[in-house]
Protein backbone atom coordinates (compact mmCIF):
# COMPACT_ATOMS: atom_id res chain seq x y z
CA MET A 1 -97.91 237.10 116.35
CA TRP A 2 -98.66 238.46 119.86
CA GLN A 3 -99.34 235.80 122.71
CA PRO A 4 -100.90 237.28 126.38
CA LYS A 5 -98.62 236.58 128.86
CA ARG A 6 -99.94 234.82 132.27
CA SER A 7 -101.01 238.29 133.61
CA GLN A 8 -102.75 239.37 130.86
CA TRP A 9 -104.50 236.20 130.83
CA ALA A 10 -105.93 236.86 134.47
CA ILE A 11 -107.19 240.47 132.77
CA ILE A 12 -108.82 238.91 129.67
CA TRP A 13 -110.61 236.21 130.70
CA PRO A 14 -112.87 237.38 134.06
CA ILE A 15 -113.38 240.46 131.55
CA ALA A 16 -114.59 238.91 128.69
CA LEU A 17 -116.56 236.18 130.69
CA LEU A 18 -118.52 239.31 132.52
CA VAL A 19 -119.50 241.21 129.10
CA ILE A 20 -120.55 237.84 127.77
CA LEU A 21 -122.93 236.97 131.00
CA PHE A 22 -124.15 240.01 131.82
CA TRP A 23 -124.27 242.06 128.24
CA PRO A 24 -128.53 242.65 127.98
CA PRO A 25 -130.11 241.53 125.26
CA GLU A 26 -132.97 243.51 123.38
CA SER A 27 -135.45 242.08 125.70
CA GLY A 28 -135.43 240.04 128.97
CA ARG A 29 -132.64 239.02 131.30
CA SER A 30 -129.00 238.80 130.77
CA LEU A 31 -127.28 235.35 130.39
CA GLY A 32 -125.76 235.67 134.00
CA VAL A 33 -129.14 236.16 135.44
CA LYS A 34 -130.88 233.93 134.03
CA ALA A 35 -128.36 231.51 134.86
CA LEU A 36 -128.63 232.80 138.54
CA ASN A 37 -132.59 232.48 138.41
CA TRP A 38 -132.08 228.78 137.12
CA ALA A 39 -129.50 227.98 139.90
CA VAL A 40 -131.48 228.76 143.12
CA ASP A 41 -134.44 226.54 141.44
CA PRO A 42 -133.15 224.29 139.13
CA PHE A 43 -136.27 222.01 139.28
CA GLY A 44 -139.04 224.85 139.69
CA SER A 45 -139.92 223.97 142.96
CA LEU A 46 -140.56 227.09 144.53
CA PRO A 47 -143.94 229.01 143.88
CA PRO A 48 -143.52 232.34 141.47
CA PHE A 49 -144.51 235.31 142.79
CA PRO A 50 -148.18 235.67 141.38
CA ALA A 51 -149.22 238.32 139.34
CA ALA A 52 -151.62 241.19 140.26
CA LEU A 53 -155.41 240.43 140.15
CA PRO A 54 -156.27 242.11 136.85
CA MET A 55 -158.83 244.97 137.10
CA GLY A 56 -162.36 243.73 136.39
CA LEU A 57 -161.67 240.42 138.07
CA ASP A 58 -162.33 241.86 141.94
CA ASP A 59 -165.99 240.93 141.39
CA ASP A 60 -164.94 237.25 140.23
CA GLY A 61 -165.03 235.18 143.33
CA ASP A 62 -163.19 232.34 141.99
CA ALA A 63 -160.99 234.40 140.06
CA VAL A 64 -160.02 236.36 144.00
CA ALA A 65 -160.29 232.62 145.65
CA ALA A 66 -157.56 231.43 142.84
CA HIS A 67 -155.22 234.18 143.36
CA ASP A 68 -155.30 234.19 147.21
CA ALA A 69 -154.76 230.08 146.80
CA LEU A 70 -151.57 231.30 145.09
CA GLN A 71 -150.46 233.86 147.48
CA ARG A 72 -151.20 231.98 149.98
CA ASP A 73 -148.54 229.11 148.54
CA TYR A 74 -146.05 231.49 147.82
CA ASP A 75 -146.32 232.91 151.36
CA SER A 76 -145.96 229.70 152.75
CA ALA A 77 -142.84 229.09 150.95
CA TYR A 78 -141.31 232.15 151.48
CA ASP A 79 -142.23 231.78 155.41
CA ARG A 80 -140.63 227.94 155.59
CA SER A 81 -136.78 229.25 155.95
CA ALA A 82 -134.51 232.01 155.43
CA MET A 83 -133.11 229.82 152.56
CA ASN A 84 -135.97 229.95 150.86
CA ARG A 85 -136.33 233.56 151.21
CA TRP A 86 -133.03 234.04 149.59
CA ARG A 87 -133.81 231.56 146.55
CA MET A 88 -136.79 233.14 146.00
CA THR A 89 -135.25 236.58 145.97
CA LEU A 90 -132.98 235.44 143.26
CA LYS A 91 -135.64 233.49 141.32
CA ALA A 92 -137.31 236.56 140.82
CA ALA A 93 -133.63 239.06 140.41
CA VAL A 94 -133.76 240.84 136.87
CA ASP A 95 -130.77 242.64 135.88
CA PRO A 96 -129.89 245.87 138.03
CA LEU A 97 -129.58 248.39 135.58
CA GLU A 98 -131.11 249.72 132.57
CA PRO A 99 -129.95 247.59 129.41
CA GLN A 100 -128.39 250.86 127.70
CA THR A 101 -126.75 251.93 131.11
CA GLU A 102 -125.45 247.89 131.73
CA ARG A 103 -123.79 248.13 128.12
CA GLN A 104 -121.90 251.13 128.66
CA VAL A 105 -120.70 249.95 132.13
CA LEU A 106 -119.77 246.58 130.40
CA ILE A 107 -118.12 248.52 127.35
CA ALA A 108 -116.08 250.65 129.88
CA LEU A 109 -114.94 247.66 131.68
CA ALA A 110 -113.83 246.25 128.67
CA VAL A 111 -111.89 249.59 127.60
CA ILE A 112 -110.23 249.33 131.00
CA GLY A 113 -109.02 245.80 130.99
CA ALA A 114 -107.70 246.74 127.54
CA LEU A 115 -105.79 249.56 128.79
CA GLY A 116 -104.44 246.96 131.31
CA VAL A 117 -103.47 244.66 129.42
CA TRP A 118 -101.89 246.82 126.68
CA LYS A 119 -99.86 248.27 129.88
CA LEU A 120 -98.59 244.94 130.92
CA GLN A 121 -97.28 244.67 127.09
CA ALA A 122 -95.73 247.72 127.27
CA SER A 123 -94.04 247.48 130.62
CA GLY A 124 -93.01 243.64 129.95
CA HIS A 125 -91.82 244.81 125.90
CA GLN A 126 -87.94 245.11 125.42
CA GLY A 127 -88.00 246.81 122.06
CA ILE A 128 -86.51 245.85 118.75
CA GLY A 129 -83.01 244.87 118.46
CA SER A 130 -82.48 244.92 122.42
CA SER A 131 -80.42 242.40 123.78
CA GLY A 132 -82.88 241.91 126.76
CA GLN A 133 -80.30 242.40 129.38
């Protein structure tokens, strides 16, 4: 039974992790992006960016005041420090590519990795019946 060599594992593991972490689901964010979003704010202490005020509520003074309060909280936390700005940016991060494109890139990466593993196997293979000298 074939067993990968150390140099082949050095290709297999990182590519497998990248594919697992960044494979986009049908909807929402990939596992890697969700982990990043959680890692920068594990306790939910940073305020989220407030959604836009829906049309028709712009005449409702209470709704506008509530939205403005959310926006002030967000702006205050954002302006507090460069670290907060960085964390808030990463908390709102999404997958950088469309799911179809992301899948194509990950499949291409996996194929290139498989070819690399195959090349390492071929370069280290002595052949059947050779004495290895």
